[in-house]
C-alpha atoms as a PDB file:
ATOM      1  CA  MET A   1     -20.703  -5.035 -23.734  1.00  0.00           C
ATOM      2  CA  LYS A   2     -21.304  -2.201 -21.293  1.00  0.00           C
ATOM      3  CA  CYS A   3     -23.297   0.817 -22.395  1.00  0.00           C
ATOM      4  CA  ALA A   4     -21.072   3.731 -23.495  1.00  0.00           C
ATOM      5  CA  LYS A   5     -21.427   6.953 -21.488  1.00  0.00           C
ATOM      6  CA  VAL A   6     -21.675  10.208 -23.435  1.00  0.00           C
ATOM      7  CA  LEU A   7     -21.580  13.597 -21.685  1.00  0.00           C
ATOM      8  CA  ILE A   8     -23.245  16.560 -23.405  1.00  0.00           C
ATOM      9  CA  ILE A   9     -21.982  20.005 -22.347  1.00  0.00           C
ATOM     10  CA  ASP A  10     -24.289  22.643 -23.849  1.00  0.00           C
ATOM     11  CA  ASP A  11     -26.019  25.651 -22.292  1.00  0.00           C
ATOM     12  CA  CYS A  12     -29.091  25.240 -24.530  1.00  0.00           C
ATOM     13  CA  PRO A  13     -31.753  22.804 -23.227  1.00  0.00           C
ATOM     14  CA  ASP A  14     -33.149  22.445 -26.756  1.00  0.00           C
ATOM     15  CA  GLY A  15     -29.704  21.303 -27.913  1.00  0.00           C
ATOM     16  CA  HIS A  16     -29.772  18.518 -25.348  1.00  0.00           C
ATOM     17  CA  LEU A  17     -33.238  17.446 -26.448  1.00  0.00           C
ATOM     18  CA  LEU A  18     -32.193  17.416 -30.103  1.00  0.00           C
ATOM     19  CA  LEU A  19     -29.079  15.331 -29.418  1.00  0.00           C
ATOM     20  CA  GLU A  20     -31.118  12.946 -27.294  1.00  0.00           C
ATOM     21  CA  ALA A  21     -33.594  12.488 -30.136  1.00  0.00           C
ATOM     22  CA  ARG A  22     -30.852  11.953 -32.722  1.00  0.00           C
ATOM     23  CA  LEU A  23     -28.899   9.464 -30.588  1.00  0.00           C
ATOM     24  CA  LYS A  24     -31.753   7.554 -28.918  1.00  0.00           C
ATOM     25  CA  HIS A  25     -31.214   4.432 -31.030  1.00  0.00           C
ATOM     26  CA  GLU A  26     -27.431   4.293 -30.513  1.00  0.00           C
ATOM     27  CA  GLY A  27     -27.549   2.319 -27.271  1.00  0.00           C
ATOM     28  CA  ILE A  28     -25.612   4.909 -25.301  1.00  0.00           C
ATOM     29  CA  GLU A  29     -26.111   6.438 -21.873  1.00  0.00           C
ATOM     30  CA  LEU A  30     -26.474  10.224 -22.102  1.00  0.00           C
ATOM     31  CA  HIS A  31     -25.493  12.616 -19.313  1.00  0.00           C
ATOM     32  CA  HIS A  32     -26.211  16.342 -19.328  1.00  0.00           C
ATOM     33  CA  ALA A  33     -24.302  19.429 -18.170  1.00  0.00           C
ATOM     34  CA  TYR A  34     -25.698  22.898 -18.895  1.00  0.00           C
ATOM     35  CA  ASP A  35     -22.641  25.007 -18.070  1.00  0.00           C
ATOM     36  CA  ALA A  36     -18.874  24.704 -18.281  1.00  0.00           C
ATOM     37  CA  PRO A  37     -18.013  24.273 -14.557  1.00  0.00           C
ATOM     38  CA  THR A  38     -20.612  21.525 -14.153  1.00  0.00           C
ATOM     39  CA  GLY A  39     -19.352  19.878 -17.325  1.00  0.00           C
ATOM     40  CA  LEU A  40     -15.745  19.858 -16.089  1.00  0.00           C
ATOM     41  CA  THR A  41     -16.779  18.377 -12.744  1.00  0.00           C
ATOM     42  CA  MET A  42     -18.943  15.714 -14.367  1.00  0.00           C
ATOM     43  CA  ALA A  43     -16.206  14.800 -16.837  1.00  0.00           C
ATOM     44  CA  SER A  44     -13.766  14.155 -13.990  1.00  0.00           C
ATOM     45  CA  GLU A  45     -16.214  12.186 -11.836  1.00  0.00           C
ATOM     46  CA  LEU A  46     -18.136  10.341 -14.559  1.00  0.00           C
ATOM     47  CA  GLN A  47     -15.211   9.483 -16.850  1.00  0.00           C
ATOM     48  CA  PRO A  48     -17.460   9.331 -19.936  1.00  0.00           C
ATOM     49  CA  ASP A  49     -16.458   7.504 -23.099  1.00  0.00           C
ATOM     50  CA  LEU A  50     -17.150  10.639 -25.166  1.00  0.00           C
ATOM     51  CA  ILE A  51     -17.881  14.336 -24.594  1.00  0.00           C
ATOM     52  CA  LEU A  52     -20.087  16.320 -26.974  1.00  0.00           C
ATOM     53  CA  LEU A  53     -18.991  19.894 -26.282  1.00  0.00           C
ATOM     54  CA  ASP A  54     -20.743  23.016 -27.550  1.00  0.00           C
ATOM     55  CA  ILE A  55     -18.165  25.571 -28.617  1.00  0.00           C
ATOM     56  CA  ASP A  56     -20.395  28.612 -27.940  1.00  0.00           C
ATOM     57  CA  LEU A  57     -20.756  28.441 -24.155  1.00  0.00           C
ATOM     58  CA  PRO A  58     -21.152  31.597 -22.030  1.00  0.00           C
ATOM     59  CA  PHE A  59     -18.443  32.746 -19.585  1.00  0.00           C
ATOM     60  CA  MET A  60     -16.074  29.964 -20.677  1.00  0.00           C
ATOM     61  CA  THR A  61     -15.988  28.895 -24.324  1.00  0.00           C
ATOM     62  CA  GLY A  62     -15.914  25.304 -25.466  1.00  0.00           C
ATOM     63  CA  LEU A  63     -12.321  25.851 -26.573  1.00  0.00           C
ATOM     64  CA  GLU A  64     -11.404  26.891 -23.023  1.00  0.00           C
ATOM     65  CA  VAL A  65     -13.272  23.896 -21.595  1.00  0.00           C
ATOM     66  CA  CYS A  66     -11.334  21.588 -23.919  1.00  0.00           C
ATOM     67  CA  THR A  67      -8.079  23.183 -22.786  1.00  0.00           C
ATOM     68  CA  HIS A  68      -8.975  22.491 -19.139  1.00  0.00           C
ATOM     69  CA  LEU A  69      -9.947  18.895 -19.985  1.00  0.00           C
ATOM     70  CA  LYS A  70      -6.662  18.195 -21.743  1.00  0.00           C
ATOM     71  CA  ARG A  71      -4.566  19.748 -18.959  1.00  0.00           C
ATOM     72  CA  ASN A  72      -6.209  17.619 -16.267  1.00  0.00           C
ATOM     73  CA  PRO A  73      -4.601  14.139 -16.047  1.00  0.00           C
ATOM     74  CA  ASP A  74      -7.982  12.678 -15.014  1.00  0.00           C
ATOM     75  CA  THR A  75      -9.693  13.868 -18.201  1.00  0.00           C
ATOM     76  CA  SER A  76      -6.894  14.350 -20.726  1.00  0.00           C
ATOM     77  CA  ALA A  77      -7.602  11.058 -22.524  1.00  0.00           C
ATOM     78  CA  LEU A  78     -11.362  11.625 -22.881  1.00  0.00           C
ATOM     79  CA  PRO A  79     -12.361  12.127 -26.533  1.00  0.00           C
ATOM     80  CA  VAL A  80     -14.156  15.371 -27.379  1.00  0.00           C
ATOM     81  CA  ILE A  81     -16.391  16.170 -30.355  1.00  0.00           C
ATOM     82  CA  PHE A  82     -17.060  19.890 -30.772  1.00  0.00           C
ATOM     83  CA  LEU A  83     -20.561  21.063 -31.647  1.00  0.00           C
ATOM     84  CA  SER A  84     -21.010  24.462 -33.259  1.00  0.00           C
ATOM     85  CA  GLY A  85     -23.243  26.445 -35.559  1.00  0.00           C
ATOM     86  CA  ALA A  86     -20.139  28.066 -37.060  1.00  0.00           C
ATOM     87  CA  SER A  87     -18.565  26.582 -40.174  1.00  0.00           C
ATOM     88  CA  ASP A  88     -15.426  28.714 -39.856  1.00  0.00           C
ATOM     89  CA  VAL A  89     -12.445  26.565 -40.864  1.00  0.00           C
ATOM     90  CA  TRP A  90     -10.033  28.248 -38.427  1.00  0.00           C
ATOM     91  CA  THR A  91     -12.335  27.575 -35.477  1.00  0.00           C
ATOM     92  CA  LYS A  92     -12.403  23.905 -36.469  1.00  0.00           C
ATOM     93  CA  VAL A  93      -8.630  23.843 -36.816  1.00  0.00           C
ATOM     94  CA  GLN A  94      -8.192  25.454 -33.402  1.00  0.00           C
ATOM     95  CA  GLY A  95     -10.515  22.906 -31.789  1.00  0.00           C
ATOM     96  CA  LEU A  96      -8.733  19.955 -33.376  1.00  0.00           C
ATOM     97  CA  GLU A  97      -5.331  21.308 -32.380  1.00  0.00           C
ATOM     98  CA  LEU A  98      -6.513  21.536 -28.784  1.00  0.00           C
ATOM     99  CA  GLY A  99      -7.085  17.765 -28.858  1.00  0.00           C
ATOM    100  CA  ALA A 100     -10.676  17.262 -30.032  1.00  0.00           C
ATOM    101  CA  VAL A 101     -11.211  14.151 -32.150  1.00  0.00           C
ATOM    102  CA  ASP A 102     -13.931  15.593 -34.390  1.00  0.00           C
ATOM    103  CA  TYR A 103     -16.192  18.531 -35.151  1.00  0.00           C
ATOM    104  CA  VAL A 104     -19.910  18.495 -36.043  1.00  0.00           C
ATOM    105  CA  THR A 105     -21.649  21.563 -37.418  1.00  0.00           C
ATOM    106  CA  LYS A 106     -25.213  22.515 -36.455  1.00  0.00           C
ATOM    107  CA  PRO A 107     -27.865  21.863 -37.646  1.00  0.00           C
ATOM    108  CA  PHE A 108     -26.965  18.210 -37.311  1.00  0.00           C
ATOM    109  CA  HIS A 109     -27.590  15.725 -40.050  1.00  0.00           C
ATOM    110  CA  ALA A 110     -28.779  12.718 -38.041  1.00  0.00           C
ATOM    111  CA  ALA A 111     -26.820  10.100 -40.017  1.00  0.00           C
ATOM    112  CA  GLU A 112     -23.606  12.128 -39.916  1.00  0.00           C
ATOM    113  CA  LEU A 113     -23.882  12.821 -36.185  1.00  0.00           C
ATOM    114  CA  CYS A 114     -24.493   9.145 -35.379  1.00  0.00           C
ATOM    115  CA  ALA A 115     -21.651   8.026 -37.636  1.00  0.00           C
ATOM    116  CA  ARG A 116     -19.165  10.424 -36.022  1.00  0.00           C
ATOM    117  CA  VAL A 117     -20.262   9.413 -32.515  1.00  0.00           C
ATOM    118  CA  ARG A 118     -19.892   5.715 -33.409  1.00  0.00           C
ATOM    119  CA  ALA A 119     -16.436   6.317 -34.869  1.00  0.00           C
ATOM    120  CA  ALA A 120     -15.281   8.191 -31.753  1.00  0.00           C
ATOM    121  CA  LEU A 121     -16.624   5.460 -29.463  1.00  0.00           C
ATOM    122  CA  ARG A 122     -14.928   2.738 -31.539  1.00  0.00           C
ATOM    123  CA  ALA A 123     -11.620   4.574 -31.234  1.00  0.00           C
ATOM    124  CA  LYS A 124     -12.145   4.946 -27.458  1.00  0.00           C
ATOM    125  CA  ARG A 125     -12.830   1.220 -27.064  1.00  0.00           C
ATOM    126  CA  MET A 126      -9.662   0.420 -29.001  1.00  0.00           C
ATOM    127  CA  GLN A 127      -7.677   2.855 -26.860  1.00  0.00           C
ATOM    128  CA  ASP A 128      -9.075   1.289 -23.671  1.00  0.00           C
ATOM    129  CA  THR A 129      -8.215  -2.209 -24.906  1.00  0.00           C
ATOM    130  CA  LEU A 130      -4.646  -1.197 -25.712  1.00  0.00           C
ATOM    131  CA  SER A 131      -4.335   0.521 -22.339  1.00  0.00           C
ATOM    132  CA  ILE A 132      -5.559  -2.580 -20.500  1.00  0.00           C
ATOM    133  CA  HIS A 133      -3.108  -4.822 -22.332  1.00  0.00           C
ATOM    134  CA  ALA A 134      -0.280  -2.386 -21.604  1.00  0.00           C
ATOM    135  CA  ASP A 135      -1.040  -2.683 -17.873  1.00  0.00           C
ATOM    136  CA  VAL A 136      -1.362  -6.480 -17.724  1.00  0.00           C
ATOM    137  CA  ASP A 137       1.269  -9.187 -17.386  1.00  0.00           C
ATOM    138  CA  ALA A 138       0.683 -11.498 -20.351  1.00  0.00           C
ATOM    139  CA  LEU A 139       1.518 -14.721 -18.496  1.00  0.00           C
ATOM    140  CA  THR A 140      -0.468 -14.315 -15.274  1.00  0.00           C
ATOM    141  CA  GLY A 141      -3.166 -11.759 -16.149  1.00  0.00           C
ATOM    142  CA  LEU A 142      -2.228  -9.673 -13.096  1.00  0.00           C
ATOM    143  CA  HIS A 143      -1.094  -6.060 -13.277  1.00  0.00           C
ATOM    144  CA  ASN A 144       2.481  -5.757 -14.511  1.00  0.00           C
ATOM    145  CA  ARG A 145       5.539  -4.124 -12.945  1.00  0.00           C
ATOM    146  CA  ALA A 146       5.024  -0.778 -14.676  1.00  0.00           C
ATOM    147  CA  THR A 147       1.476  -0.605 -13.310  1.00  0.00           C
ATOM    148  CA  PHE A 148       2.720  -1.507  -9.838  1.00  0.00           C
ATOM    149  CA  ASP A 149       5.321   1.260  -9.902  1.00  0.00           C
ATOM    150  CA  ARG A 150       2.693   3.855 -10.854  1.00  0.00           C
ATOM    151  CA  ARG A 151       0.157   2.660  -8.298  1.00  0.00           C
ATOM    152  CA  LEU A 152       2.693   2.429  -5.491  1.00  0.00           C
ATOM    153  CA  GLU A 153       3.504   6.133  -5.814  1.00  0.00           C
ATOM    154  CA  ARG A 154      -0.157   7.078  -6.306  1.00  0.00           C
ATOM    155  CA  ASP A 155      -1.474   5.002  -3.397  1.00  0.00           C
ATOM    156  CA  PHE A 156       1.318   6.150  -1.072  1.00  0.00           C
ATOM    157  CA  ALA A 157       0.482   9.802  -1.802  1.00  0.00           C
ATOM    158  CA  ALA A 158      -3.250   9.118  -1.355  1.00  0.00           C
ATOM    159  CA  ALA A 159      -2.648   7.434   2.000  1.00  0.00           C
ATOM    160  CA  ARG A 160      -0.652  10.446   3.152  1.00  0.00           C
ATOM    161  CA  ALA A 161      -3.313  12.892   1.975  1.00  0.00           C
ATOM    162  CA  GLY A 162      -6.159  10.909   3.538  1.00  0.00           C
ATOM    163  CA  SER A 163      -4.361   9.891   6.747  1.00  0.00           C
ATOM    164  CA  THR A 164      -5.042   6.220   6.026  1.00  0.00           C
ATOM    165  CA  ARG A 165      -2.771   3.182   5.954  1.00  0.00           C
ATOM    166  CA  LEU A 166      -1.250   1.592   2.876  1.00  0.00           C
ATOM    167  CA  THR A 167       0.094  -1.945   3.169  1.00  0.00           C
ATOM    168  CA  LEU A 168       2.339  -3.751   0.720  1.00  0.00           C
ATOM    169  CA  MET A 169       2.446  -7.542   0.595  1.00  0.00           C
ATOM    170  CA  MET A 170       5.379  -9.126  -1.244  1.00  0.00           C
ATOM    171  CA  VAL A 171       5.070 -12.788  -2.279  1.00  0.00           C
ATOM    172  CA  ASP A 172       7.846 -14.990  -3.634  1.00  0.00           C
ATOM    173  CA  ILE A 173       7.491 -18.618  -4.792  1.00  0.00           C
ATOM    174  CA  ASP A 174       9.858 -20.861  -2.851  1.00  0.00           C
ATOM    175  CA  HIS A 175      12.614 -22.761  -4.700  1.00  0.00           C
ATOM    176  CA  PHE A 176      11.381 -21.549  -8.073  1.00  0.00           C
ATOM    177  CA  LYS A 177      14.755 -22.012  -9.762  1.00  0.00           C
ATOM    178  CA  GLN A 178      14.801 -25.660  -8.732  1.00  0.00           C
ATOM    179  CA  LEU A 179      11.240 -26.044  -9.995  1.00  0.00           C
ATOM    180  CA  ASN A 180      12.278 -24.708 -13.417  1.00  0.00           C
ATOM    181  CA  ASP A 181      15.468 -26.782 -13.478  1.00  0.00           C
ATOM    182  CA  GLN A 182      13.748 -30.037 -12.535  1.00  0.00           C
ATOM    183  CA  PHE A 183      10.501 -29.792 -14.495  1.00  0.00           C
ATOM    184  CA  GLY A 184      11.193 -27.162 -17.176  1.00  0.00           C
ATOM    185  CA  HIS A 185      10.061 -23.597 -17.773  1.00  0.00           C
ATOM    186  CA  PRO A 186       6.571 -24.500 -19.112  1.00  0.00           C
ATOM    187  CA  PHE A 187       5.934 -26.195 -15.756  1.00  0.00           C
ATOM    188  CA  GLY A 188       7.208 -23.067 -14.009  1.00  0.00           C
ATOM    189  CA  ASP A 189       4.843 -20.945 -16.092  1.00  0.00           C
ATOM    190  CA  ASP A 190       1.935 -23.153 -14.964  1.00  0.00           C
ATOM    191  CA  ALA A 191       3.019 -22.611 -11.357  1.00  0.00           C
ATOM    192  CA  LEU A 192       3.110 -18.832 -11.855  1.00  0.00           C
ATOM    193  CA  ARG A 193      -0.385 -18.842 -13.345  1.00  0.00           C
ATOM    194  CA  ALA A 194      -1.732 -21.009 -10.520  1.00  0.00           C
ATOM    195  CA  VAL A 195      -0.222 -18.793  -7.823  1.00  0.00           C
ATOM    196  CA  ALA A 196      -1.559 -15.668  -9.582  1.00  0.00           C
ATOM    197  CA  GLN A 197      -5.058 -17.154  -9.633  1.00  0.00           C
ATOM    198  CA  ILE A 198      -4.985 -17.862  -5.900  1.00  0.00           C
ATOM    199  CA  LEU A 199      -3.679 -14.353  -5.230  1.00  0.00           C
ATOM    200  CA  ARG A 200      -6.399 -12.792  -7.376  1.00  0.00           C
ATOM    201  CA  ARG A 201      -9.121 -14.682  -5.523  1.00  0.00           C
ATOM    202  CA  GLY A 202      -7.590 -14.148  -2.091  1.00  0.00           C
ATOM    203  CA  VAL A 203      -7.119 -10.388  -1.950  1.00  0.00           C
ATOM    204  CA  ARG A 204      -9.809  -7.760  -1.480  1.00  0.00           C
ATOM    205  CA  ALA A 205     -11.589  -6.097  -4.402  1.00  0.00           C
ATOM    206  CA  SER A 206      -9.843  -2.807  -3.541  1.00  0.00           C
ATOM    207  CA  ASP A 207      -6.362  -4.369  -3.646  1.00  0.00           C
ATOM    208  CA  SER A 208      -4.015  -4.395  -6.645  1.00  0.00           C
ATOM    209  CA  ALA A 209      -2.270  -7.730  -7.237  1.00  0.00           C
ATOM    210  CA  CYS A 210       0.747  -7.415  -9.548  1.00  0.00           C
ATOM    211  CA  ARG A 211       3.478  -9.606 -10.939  1.00  0.00           C
ATOM    212  CA  TYR A 212       6.553  -7.799  -9.686  1.00  0.00           C
ATOM    213  CA  GLY A 213       9.018  -9.837 -11.705  1.00  0.00           C
ATOM    214  CA  GLY A 214      10.074 -13.441 -12.228  1.00  0.00           C
ATOM    215  CA  GLU A 215       8.500 -15.517  -9.461  1.00  0.00           C
ATOM    216  CA  GLU A 216       7.728 -12.511  -7.240  1.00  0.00           C
ATOM    217  CA  PHE A 217       4.371 -10.808  -6.750  1.00  0.00           C
ATOM    218  CA  ALA A 218       3.272  -7.620  -4.988  1.00  0.00           C
ATOM    219  CA  VAL A 219      -0.120  -6.660  -3.595  1.00  0.00           C
ATOM    220  CA  LEU A 220      -0.982  -3.045  -2.767  1.00  0.00           C
ATOM    221  CA  MET A 221      -3.653  -2.877  -0.053  1.00  0.00           C
ATOM    222  CA  PRO A 222      -5.049   0.659   0.488  1.00  0.00           C
ATOM    223  CA  GLY A 223      -6.873   1.350   3.753  1.00  0.00           C
ATOM    224  CA  CYS A 224      -5.402  -1.747   5.372  1.00  0.00           C
ATOM    225  CA  ASP A 225      -2.719  -1.994   8.085  1.00  0.00           C
ATOM    226  CA  ARG A 226      -0.097  -4.705   8.336  1.00  0.00           C
ATOM    227  CA  ASP A 227      -1.968  -6.700  10.999  1.00  0.00           C
ATOM    228  CA  GLU A 228      -5.093  -6.925   8.849  1.00  0.00           C
ATOM    229  CA  ALA A 229      -2.963  -7.748   5.820  1.00  0.00           C
ATOM    230  CA  ALA A 230      -1.162 -10.458   7.792  1.00  0.00           C
ATOM    231  CA  LEU A 231      -4.475 -12.310   8.173  1.00  0.00           C
ATOM    232  CA  VAL A 232      -5.018 -12.123   4.408  1.00  0.00           C
ATOM    233  CA  ALA A 233      -1.447 -13.278   3.786  1.00  0.00           C
ATOM    234  CA  ALA A 234      -1.819 -16.188   6.220  1.00  0.00           C
ATOM    235  CA  ARG A 235      -4.976 -17.356   4.465  1.00  0.00           C
ATOM    236  CA  ILE A 236      -3.364 -17.154   1.022  1.00  0.00           C
ATOM    237  CA  ARG A 237      -0.197 -18.889   2.276  1.00  0.00           C
ATOM    238  CA  SER A 238      -2.344 -21.734   3.607  1.00  0.00           C
ATOM    239  CA  GLN A 239      -4.132 -22.080   0.262  1.00  0.00           C
ATOM    240  CA  LEU A 240      -0.829 -22.082  -1.621  1.00  0.00           C
ATOM    241  CA  ALA A 241       0.543 -24.773   0.692  1.00  0.00           C
ATOM    242  CA  GLU A 242      -2.186 -27.057  -0.670  1.00  0.00           C
ATOM    243  CA  LEU A 243      -1.374 -26.210  -4.293  1.00  0.00           C
ATOM    244  CA  VAL A 244      -0.224 -29.078  -6.509  1.00  0.00           C
ATOM    245  CA  VAL A 245       0.865 -28.187 -10.042  1.00  0.00           C
ATOM    246  CA  SER A 246       0.632 -30.918 -12.691  1.00  0.00           C
ATOM    247  CA  ARG A 247       1.929 -31.038 -16.235  1.00  0.00           C
ATOM    248  CA  GLY A 248       2.742 -33.938 -18.526  1.00  0.00           C
ATOM    249  CA  GLY A 249       2.438 -36.501 -15.752  1.00  0.00           C
ATOM    250  CA  GLN A 250       4.743 -34.526 -13.458  1.00  0.00           C
ATOM    251  CA  THR A 251       3.458 -32.992 -10.226  1.00  0.00           C
ATOM    252  CA  ALA A 252       4.965 -30.719  -7.598  1.00  0.00           C
ATOM    253  CA  ARG A 253       3.770 -28.859  -4.536  1.00  0.00           C
ATOM    254  CA  VAL A 254       4.272 -25.114  -4.558  1.00  0.00           C
ATOM    255  CA  THR A 255       4.708 -22.861  -1.527  1.00  0.00           C
ATOM    256  CA  ALA A 256       5.497 -19.176  -1.151  1.00  0.00           C
ATOM    257  CA  SER A 257       6.989 -16.764   1.367  1.00  0.00           C
ATOM    258  CA  PHE A 258       5.365 -13.461   2.333  1.00  0.00           C
ATOM    259  CA  GLY A 259       6.651 -10.104   3.540  1.00  0.00           C
ATOM    260  CA  VAL A 260       4.136  -7.539   4.822  1.00  0.00           C
ATOM    261  CA  ALA A 261       4.735  -3.858   5.651  1.00  0.00           C
ATOM    262  CA  ASP A 262       2.596  -0.771   6.009  1.00  0.00           C
ATOM    263  CA  ASP A 263       3.526   2.868   5.602  1.00  0.00           C
ATOM    264  CA  ARG A 264       3.618   3.890   9.252  1.00  0.00           C
ATOM    265  CA  ASP A 265       6.734   5.914  10.104  1.00  0.00           C
ATOM    266  CA  LEU A 266       7.932   5.707   6.485  1.00  0.00           C
ATOM    267  CA  ASP A 267       8.544   8.790   4.395  1.00  0.00           C
ATOM    268  CA  SER A 268       8.493   7.405   0.864  1.00  0.00           C
ATOM    269  CA  ALA A 269       7.015   4.709  -1.336  1.00  0.00           C
ATOM    270  CA  MET A 270      10.510   3.288  -1.886  1.00  0.00           C
ATOM    271  CA  HIS A 271      10.972   2.843   1.869  1.00  0.00           C
ATOM    272  CA  LEU A 272       7.679   0.947   1.976  1.00  0.00           C
ATOM    273  CA  LEU A 273       8.960  -1.337  -0.775  1.00  0.00           C
ATOM    274  CA  ASP A 274      12.256  -1.842   1.043  1.00  0.00           C
ATOM    275  CA  SER A 275      10.455  -2.598   4.309  1.00  0.00           C
ATOM    276  CA  ALA A 276       8.161  -5.216   2.728  1.00  0.00           C
ATOM    277  CA  ASP A 277      11.083  -6.741   0.851  1.00  0.00           C
ATOM    278  CA  ALA A 278      13.152  -6.957   4.051  1.00  0.00           C
ATOM    279  CA  ALA A 279      10.268  -8.823   5.716  1.00  0.00           C
ATOM    280  CA  LEU A 280      10.079 -11.160   2.712  1.00  0.00           C
ATOM    281  CA  TYR A 281      13.816 -11.777   2.904  1.00  0.00           C
ATOM    282  CA  ARG A 282      13.483 -12.725   6.590  1.00  0.00           C
ATOM    283  CA  ALA A 283      10.715 -15.161   5.664  1.00  0.00           C
ATOM    284  CA  LYS A 284      13.077 -16.772   3.176  1.00  0.00           C
ATOM    285  CA  ARG A 285      15.963 -16.954   5.656  1.00  0.00           C
ATOM    286  CA  SER A 286      13.661 -18.303   8.391  1.00  0.00           C
ATOM    287  CA  GLY A 287      12.615 -21.402   6.462  1.00  0.00           C
ATOM    288  CA  ARG A 288      10.224 -20.189   3.735  1.00  0.00           C
ATOM    289  CA  ASN A 289       6.476 -20.925   3.426  1.00  0.00           C
ATOM    290  CA  ARG A 290       5.752 -18.334   6.111  1.00  0.00           C
ATOM    291  CA  VAL A 291       4.534 -14.755   6.647  1.00  0.00           C
ATOM    292  CA  GLU A 292       6.828 -12.128   8.153  1.00  0.00           C
ATOM    293  CA  LEU A 293       5.805  -8.597   9.156  1.00  0.00           C
ATOM    294  CA  CYS A 294       8.030  -5.550   8.996  1.00  0.00           C
ATOM    295  CA  ARG A 295       9.606  -4.719  12.330  1.00  0.00           C
ATOM    296  CA  ALA A 296       8.847  -1.610  14.341  1.00  0.00           C
ATOM    297  CA  THR A 297      12.574  -0.868  14.129  1.00  0.00           C
ATOM    298  CA  PRO A 298      13.542  -1.491  10.512  1.00  0.00           C
ATOM    299  CA  ASP A 299      15.996  -4.287   9.840  1.00  0.00           C
ATOM    300  CA  ARG A 300      18.513  -2.100   8.047  1.00  0.00           C
ATOM    301  CA  ASP A 301      20.811  -4.921   6.986  1.00  0.00           C
ATOM    302  CA  ALA A 302      17.966  -6.971   5.516  1.00  0.00           C
ATOM    303  CA  ALA A 303      16.417  -3.904   3.920  1.00  0.00           C
ATOM    304  CA  SER A 304      19.742  -2.945   2.359  1.00  0.00           C
ATOM    305  CA  GLU A 305      20.323  -6.473   1.088  1.00  0.00           C
ATOM    306  CA  ALA A 306      16.792  -6.686  -0.270  1.00  0.00           C
ATOM    307  CA  HIS A 307      17.183  -3.323  -1.977  1.00  0.00           C
ATOM    308  CA  GLU A 308      20.372  -4.527  -3.651  1.00  0.00           C
ATOM    309  CA  THR A 309      18.487  -7.598  -4.823  1.00  0.00           C
ATOM    310  CA  HIS A 310      15.866  -5.308  -6.397  1.00  0.00           C
ATOM    311  CA  ALA A 311      18.456  -3.058  -7.966  1.00  0.00           C
ATOM    312  CA  GLY A 312      20.564  -5.820  -9.449  1.00  0.00           C
ATOM    313  CA  GLY A 313      18.202  -8.734  -9.844  1.00  0.00           C
ATOM    314  CA  ASP A 314      15.758  -7.738 -12.558  1.00  0.00           C
ATOM    315  CA  ALA A 315      17.698  -9.629 -15.228  1.00  0.00           C
ATOM    316  CA  LEU A 316      17.520 -12.776 -13.090  1.00  0.00           C
ATOM    317  CA  ARG A 317      13.817 -12.440 -12.368  1.00  0.00           C
ATOM    318  CA  SER A 318      12.876 -13.495 -15.868  1.00  0.00           C
ATOM    319  CA  GLY A 319      14.429 -16.868 -15.147  1.00  0.00           C
ATOM    320  CA  SER A 320      15.806 -17.895 -11.797  1.00  0.00           C
ATOM    321  CA  GLY A 321      14.910 -14.956  -9.525  1.00  0.00           C
ATOM    322  CA  ARG A 322      16.414 -15.050  -6.016  1.00  0.00           C
ATOM    323  CA  GLY A 323      17.128 -18.745  -6.168  1.00  0.00           C
ATOM    324  CA  LEU A 324      15.874 -19.056  -2.576  1.00  0.00           C
END
């Protein structure tokens, strides 16, 4: 288990030393900020598992710091324990209503402080576990559709802001309906897991491989143009062409078709999705088990048809998908 990171925001150096002494046997990694602005910056960049926040900071109180933390999407989920020499009930209530998970009064009782820190870290681990499961497709272990939708918008905006390329690779297993019909859905599930494993190994560490729905997958590739992505797609397609799925004495070869598009000359994340899907649709119509790139002049008919497939096909994706 990785070491938990705890950020202390306190303007008093002696307070940091005391907390370090009290928590030295807890197996945590302590980080120190001695003023509010530094603490806010470190919280955003470090993403600690817990923040120990002194309420009596100069210039900006701990209550104001907590308000900033909870308003920032990057830090809103970080748990905060307030530290204060005041035992005023209303101050505690105000801190808890701002979103803090606990409140410890100075001078600290060592056992109480450690117990409250452990409890907060346990809750954070549980929250992280639930969040991970919410983002993962249970069958394949890849990111799920909801995660893809969020990351597509986020990565498209980041590419625009940073003047970099974003490429989307769409992957669809060929003849998946026939595979399910001939060998059964458990066999089809094995095929989906096998394809997902090859995808996971074949893409770059910075890429996000997702199960888009049914037998279709999507890979977001930040900082990569369509020509670079085409090489990755060609390598994965070749590996899939060698894939043989076996179950209960039955075997079948599995292939997939690929559509690749980047965000050049596109004004929205949805247009990127349409462009990649149009390229995938051409790969299907051109014989399958191949990689197609988006065209410099968009194929409007294919893009429109592919978009209609997306809009109306989600119910089919759980079973037969495109049927191509």
